[in-house]
Amino acid sequence: MGQEGSYSAQWANIRQGAVVAKEEAEHVRKVRDALRDVFIAEGRPMGDDQYGAEFEKSFPLRTKAIFKGFEDYIDELEGVGDGMRVNANTYEAAEIDTQG
């Protein structure tokens, strides 16, 4: 910590948080890709009955929504990581400036 009554950011911890956010984005990307592979392998297994036919109608939109959710979450994680990295750099530069 800095002088009493002053504010000190732990920029190294913030930078590590940015790394964790990026790693989580990569993990979610891998989960999304694995799920996409399952969808490709299984095709459209709705069945030949009336329930399968009804589900078939909404399947493309449901699939699109699922993968849109993944994309949105990945974008959010990457944005958090980018923001944390910028904050860490800013706090580090400010600390260096105050040290002379």
N, C-alpha and C. Protein backbone atom coordinates (compact mmCIF):
# COMPACT_ATOMS: atom_id res chain seq x y z
N MET A 1 0.84 -1.18 0.00
CA MET A 1 0.00 0.00 0.00
C MET A 1 0.89 1.24 0.00
N GLY A 2 0.31 2.34 -0.40
CA GLY A 2 1.04 3.61 -0.43
C GLY A 2 0.97 4.31 0.91
N GLN A 3 1.09 5.62 0.85
CA GLN A 3 1.03 6.42 2.07
C GLN A 3 -0.37 6.34 2.67
N GLU A 4 -0.44 6.59 3.99
CA GLU A 4 -1.74 6.54 4.65
C GLU A 4 -2.68 7.56 4.02
N GLY A 5 -3.89 7.13 3.76
CA GLY A 5 -4.89 8.01 3.16
C GLY A 5 -4.80 8.08 1.65
N SER A 6 -3.83 7.39 1.06
CA SER A 6 -3.72 7.40 -0.40
C SER A 6 -4.28 6.09 -0.96
N TYR A 7 -4.44 6.07 -2.25
CA TYR A 7 -4.99 4.90 -2.92
C TYR A 7 -3.86 4.21 -3.66
N SER A 8 -3.83 2.90 -3.56
CA SER A 8 -2.83 2.12 -4.29
C SER A 8 -3.52 0.93 -4.93
N ALA A 9 -3.45 0.85 -6.23
CA ALA A 9 -4.03 -0.29 -6.94
C ALA A 9 -2.98 -1.39 -7.06
N GLN A 10 -3.41 -2.60 -6.90
CA GLN A 10 -2.52 -3.75 -7.06
C GLN A 10 -2.53 -4.15 -8.54
N TRP A 11 -1.80 -3.36 -9.33
CA TRP A 11 -1.86 -3.53 -10.78
C TRP A 11 -1.39 -4.91 -11.23
N ALA A 12 -0.45 -5.51 -10.52
CA ALA A 12 -0.01 -6.86 -10.91
C ALA A 12 -1.15 -7.87 -10.75
N ASN A 13 -1.96 -7.71 -9.70
CA ASN A 13 -3.12 -8.59 -9.51
C ASN A 13 -4.19 -8.33 -10.57
N ILE A 14 -4.36 -7.07 -10.93
CA ILE A 14 -5.32 -6.73 -11.98
C ILE A 14 -4.86 -7.36 -13.30
N ARG A 15 -3.57 -7.27 -13.58
CA ARG A 15 -3.04 -7.86 -14.81
C ARG A 15 -3.25 -9.38 -14.80
N GLN A 16 -3.06 -10.01 -13.66
CA GLN A 16 -3.29 -11.46 -13.57
C GLN A 16 -4.78 -11.77 -13.80
N GLY A 17 -5.65 -10.92 -13.31
CA GLY A 17 -7.08 -11.10 -13.56
C GLY A 17 -7.39 -11.04 -15.05
N ALA A 18 -6.67 -10.18 -15.77
CA ALA A 18 -6.86 -10.09 -17.22
C ALA A 18 -6.46 -11.41 -17.89
N VAL A 19 -5.38 -11.99 -17.42
CA VAL A 19 -4.93 -13.28 -17.96
C VAL A 19 -5.99 -14.36 -17.69
N VAL A 20 -6.53 -14.37 -16.48
CA VAL A 20 -7.55 -15.35 -16.13
C VAL A 20 -8.79 -15.19 -17.01
N ALA A 21 -9.20 -13.95 -17.25
CA ALA A 21 -10.36 -13.71 -18.12
C ALA A 21 -10.10 -14.23 -19.53
N LYS A 22 -8.91 -14.01 -20.04
CA LYS A 22 -8.56 -14.50 -21.38
C LYS A 22 -8.55 -16.03 -21.41
N GLU A 23 -8.02 -16.63 -20.35
CA GLU A 23 -8.00 -18.10 -20.28
C GLU A 23 -9.42 -18.65 -20.23
N GLU A 24 -10.29 -17.99 -19.49
CA GLU A 24 -11.68 -18.43 -19.41
C GLU A 24 -12.36 -18.30 -20.77
N ALA A 25 -12.06 -17.24 -21.50
CA ALA A 25 -12.62 -17.08 -22.85
C ALA A 25 -12.18 -18.23 -23.75
N GLU A 26 -10.92 -18.62 -23.63
CA GLU A 26 -10.41 -19.73 -24.43
C GLU A 26 -11.09 -21.04 -24.04
N HIS A 27 -11.31 -21.23 -22.74
CA HIS A 27 -12.02 -22.43 -22.27
C HIS A 27 -13.44 -22.48 -22.83
N VAL A 28 -14.14 -21.38 -22.76
CA VAL A 28 -15.52 -21.32 -23.27
C VAL A 28 -15.52 -21.55 -24.78
N ARG A 29 -14.52 -21.03 -25.47
CA ARG A 29 -14.40 -21.25 -26.91
C ARG A 29 -14.28 -22.75 -27.21
N LYS A 30 -13.47 -23.46 -26.40
CA LYS A 30 -13.29 -24.91 -26.60
C LYS A 30 -14.59 -25.66 -26.31
N VAL A 31 -15.32 -25.25 -25.27
CA VAL A 31 -16.60 -25.89 -24.96
C VAL A 31 -17.58 -25.66 -26.11
N ARG A 32 -17.62 -24.43 -26.63
CA ARG A 32 -18.50 -24.11 -27.76
C ARG A 32 -18.16 -25.00 -28.96
N ASP A 33 -16.87 -25.14 -29.24
CA ASP A 33 -16.45 -25.94 -30.39
C ASP A 33 -16.80 -27.42 -30.20
N ALA A 34 -16.64 -27.92 -28.96
CA ALA A 34 -17.00 -29.31 -28.68
C ALA A 34 -18.50 -29.52 -28.86
N LEU A 35 -19.29 -28.57 -28.40
CA LEU A 35 -20.74 -28.67 -28.57
C LEU A 35 -21.11 -28.61 -30.05
N ARG A 36 -20.45 -27.75 -30.78
CA ARG A 36 -20.72 -27.66 -32.23
C ARG A 36 -20.42 -29.01 -32.89
N ASP A 37 -19.32 -29.66 -32.47
CA ASP A 37 -18.98 -30.97 -33.02
C ASP A 37 -20.06 -32.01 -32.72
N VAL A 38 -20.65 -31.94 -31.52
CA VAL A 38 -21.74 -32.86 -31.17
C VAL A 38 -22.95 -32.59 -32.06
N PHE A 39 -23.28 -31.34 -32.25
CA PHE A 39 -24.42 -31.00 -33.12
C PHE A 39 -24.19 -31.53 -34.52
N ILE A 40 -22.96 -31.40 -35.02
CA ILE A 40 -22.64 -31.89 -36.36
C ILE A 40 -22.74 -33.41 -36.41
N ALA A 41 -22.18 -34.08 -35.41
CA ALA A 41 -22.18 -35.54 -35.39
C ALA A 41 -23.59 -36.12 -35.25
N GLU A 42 -24.42 -35.48 -34.46
CA GLU A 42 -25.77 -35.99 -34.20
C GLU A 42 -26.76 -35.58 -35.28
N GLY A 43 -26.44 -34.56 -36.01
CA GLY A 43 -27.37 -34.10 -37.04
C GLY A 43 -28.61 -33.50 -36.43
N ARG A 44 -29.75 -33.96 -36.88
CA ARG A 44 -31.03 -33.44 -36.38
C ARG A 44 -31.86 -34.62 -35.88
N PRO A 45 -31.55 -35.10 -34.71
CA PRO A 45 -32.20 -36.32 -34.20
C PRO A 45 -33.55 -36.07 -33.54
N MET A 46 -34.47 -35.50 -34.27
CA MET A 46 -35.74 -35.13 -33.67
C MET A 46 -36.72 -36.29 -33.60
N GLY A 47 -36.51 -37.27 -34.41
CA GLY A 47 -37.47 -38.37 -34.47
C GLY A 47 -38.50 -38.11 -35.55
N ASP A 48 -39.26 -39.13 -35.84
CA ASP A 48 -40.22 -39.05 -36.94
C ASP A 48 -41.66 -38.88 -36.47
N ASP A 49 -41.84 -38.58 -35.19
CA ASP A 49 -43.20 -38.42 -34.69
C ASP A 49 -43.61 -36.94 -34.72
N GLN A 50 -44.80 -36.65 -34.24
CA GLN A 50 -45.30 -35.27 -34.27
C GLN A 50 -44.47 -34.34 -33.40
N TYR A 51 -43.90 -34.85 -32.31
CA TYR A 51 -43.09 -34.02 -31.42
C TYR A 51 -41.77 -33.65 -32.09
N GLY A 52 -41.20 -34.63 -32.77
CA GLY A 52 -39.97 -34.37 -33.52
C GLY A 52 -40.20 -33.36 -34.63
N ALA A 53 -41.31 -33.49 -35.30
CA ALA A 53 -41.64 -32.55 -36.39
C ALA A 53 -41.83 -31.14 -35.85
N GLU A 54 -42.47 -31.04 -34.69
CA GLU A 54 -42.69 -29.71 -34.09
C GLU A 54 -41.37 -29.10 -33.64
N PHE A 55 -40.52 -29.92 -33.02
CA PHE A 55 -39.22 -29.43 -32.56
C PHE A 55 -38.33 -29.02 -33.73
N GLU A 56 -38.47 -29.75 -34.83
CA GLU A 56 -37.68 -29.46 -36.04
C GLU A 56 -37.91 -28.02 -36.52
N LYS A 57 -39.12 -27.52 -36.34
CA LYS A 57 -39.45 -26.17 -36.79
C LYS A 57 -38.61 -25.10 -36.08
N SER A 58 -38.37 -25.31 -34.80
CA SER A 58 -37.64 -24.28 -34.04
C SER A 58 -36.16 -24.61 -33.86
N PHE A 59 -35.74 -25.78 -34.32
CA PHE A 59 -34.36 -26.21 -34.10
C PHE A 59 -33.31 -25.24 -34.64
N PRO A 60 -33.44 -24.76 -35.86
CA PRO A 60 -32.41 -23.82 -36.37
C PRO A 60 -32.30 -22.55 -35.53
N LEU A 61 -33.42 -22.00 -35.12
CA LEU A 61 -33.37 -20.78 -34.30
C LEU A 61 -32.81 -21.06 -32.91
N ARG A 62 -33.17 -22.19 -32.34
CA ARG A 62 -32.64 -22.56 -31.02
C ARG A 62 -31.13 -22.76 -31.10
N THR A 63 -30.69 -23.44 -32.13
CA THR A 63 -29.26 -23.68 -32.31
C THR A 63 -28.52 -22.36 -32.47
N LYS A 64 -29.06 -21.50 -33.29
CA LYS A 64 -28.43 -20.19 -33.50
C LYS A 64 -28.36 -19.41 -32.19
N ALA A 65 -29.40 -19.45 -31.39
CA ALA A 65 -29.42 -18.73 -30.10
C ALA A 65 -28.39 -19.29 -29.13
N ILE A 66 -28.24 -20.60 -29.12
CA ILE A 66 -27.25 -21.23 -28.24
C ILE A 66 -25.86 -20.72 -28.58
N PHE A 67 -25.51 -20.76 -29.84
CA PHE A 67 -24.16 -20.36 -30.23
C PHE A 67 -23.96 -18.84 -30.16
N LYS A 68 -25.02 -18.09 -30.32
CA LYS A 68 -24.94 -16.64 -30.11
C LYS A 68 -24.63 -16.35 -28.64
N GLY A 69 -25.23 -17.11 -27.74
CA GLY A 69 -24.94 -16.96 -26.32
C GLY A 69 -23.47 -17.23 -26.02
N PHE A 70 -22.93 -18.26 -26.63
CA PHE A 70 -21.50 -18.54 -26.46
C PHE A 70 -20.66 -17.37 -26.97
N GLU A 71 -20.99 -16.87 -28.17
CA GLU A 71 -20.21 -15.77 -28.75
C GLU A 71 -20.28 -14.53 -27.86
N ASP A 72 -21.46 -14.23 -27.37
CA ASP A 72 -21.62 -13.06 -26.50
C ASP A 72 -20.79 -13.20 -25.24
N TYR A 73 -20.80 -14.39 -24.65
CA TYR A 73 -20.04 -14.62 -23.41
C TYR A 73 -18.54 -14.53 -23.68
N ILE A 74 -18.08 -15.10 -24.77
CA ILE A 74 -16.66 -15.02 -25.13
C ILE A 74 -16.26 -13.57 -25.34
N ASP A 75 -17.07 -12.82 -26.06
CA ASP A 75 -16.79 -11.39 -26.28
C ASP A 75 -16.72 -10.63 -24.96
N GLU A 76 -17.63 -10.94 -24.05
CA GLU A 76 -17.65 -10.27 -22.74
C GLU A 76 -16.39 -10.59 -21.95
N LEU A 77 -16.01 -11.85 -21.92
CA LEU A 77 -14.79 -12.24 -21.20
C LEU A 77 -13.56 -11.57 -21.79
N GLU A 78 -13.47 -11.53 -23.10
CA GLU A 78 -12.33 -10.88 -23.74
C GLU A 78 -12.33 -9.39 -23.47
N GLY A 79 -13.51 -8.77 -23.46
CA GLY A 79 -13.60 -7.35 -23.15
C GLY A 79 -13.17 -7.05 -21.72
N VAL A 80 -13.59 -7.90 -20.79
CA VAL A 80 -13.16 -7.73 -19.39
C VAL A 80 -11.65 -7.86 -19.29
N GLY A 81 -11.10 -8.86 -19.94
CA GLY A 81 -9.65 -9.05 -19.93
C GLY A 81 -8.92 -7.85 -20.52
N ASP A 82 -9.40 -7.34 -21.64
CA ASP A 82 -8.78 -6.17 -22.26
C ASP A 82 -8.86 -4.95 -21.34
N GLY A 83 -10.02 -4.74 -20.74
CA GLY A 83 -10.18 -3.61 -19.83
C GLY A 83 -9.28 -3.71 -18.61
N MET A 84 -9.18 -4.90 -18.08
CA MET A 84 -8.31 -5.10 -16.91
C MET A 84 -6.84 -4.86 -17.27
N ARG A 85 -6.44 -5.30 -18.44
CA ARG A 85 -5.06 -5.09 -18.88
C ARG A 85 -4.76 -3.60 -19.04
N VAL A 86 -5.69 -2.86 -19.62
CA VAL A 86 -5.52 -1.41 -19.77
C VAL A 86 -5.44 -0.75 -18.40
N ASN A 87 -6.33 -1.16 -17.49
CA ASN A 87 -6.30 -0.58 -16.14
C ASN A 87 -4.97 -0.88 -15.45
N ALA A 88 -4.51 -2.10 -15.55
CA ALA A 88 -3.24 -2.47 -14.92
C ALA A 88 -2.10 -1.63 -15.48
N ASN A 89 -2.07 -1.47 -16.79
CA ASN A 89 -1.02 -0.66 -17.42
C ASN A 89 -1.09 0.79 -16.95
N THR A 90 -2.31 1.32 -16.84
CA THR A 90 -2.49 2.70 -16.40
C THR A 90 -2.02 2.88 -14.96
N TYR A 91 -2.42 1.97 -14.09
CA TYR A 91 -2.00 2.06 -12.69
C TYR A 91 -0.49 1.87 -12.54
N GLU A 92 0.07 0.98 -13.31
CA GLU A 92 1.52 0.76 -13.25
C GLU A 92 2.26 2.02 -13.68
N ALA A 93 1.81 2.62 -14.79
CA ALA A 93 2.46 3.84 -15.29
C ALA A 93 2.34 4.97 -14.27
N ALA A 94 1.18 5.09 -13.63
CA ALA A 94 0.99 6.14 -12.61
C ALA A 94 1.93 5.90 -11.43
N GLU A 95 2.07 4.66 -11.03
CA GLU A 95 2.98 4.36 -9.90
C GLU A 95 4.42 4.68 -10.26
N ILE A 96 4.81 4.34 -11.46
CA ILE A 96 6.18 4.64 -11.91
C ILE A 96 6.39 6.16 -11.93
N ASP A 97 5.39 6.90 -12.43
CA ASP A 97 5.50 8.35 -12.48
C ASP A 97 5.65 8.97 -11.09
N THR A 98 4.93 8.42 -10.11
CA THR A 98 5.00 8.99 -8.76
C THR A 98 6.30 8.63 -8.06
N GLN A 99 6.97 7.61 -8.52
CA GLN A 99 8.24 7.21 -7.92
C GLN A 99 9.42 8.00 -8.48
N GLY A 100 9.16 8.73 -9.53
CA GLY A 100 10.21 9.60 -10.05
C GLY A 100 10.83 9.04 -11.23
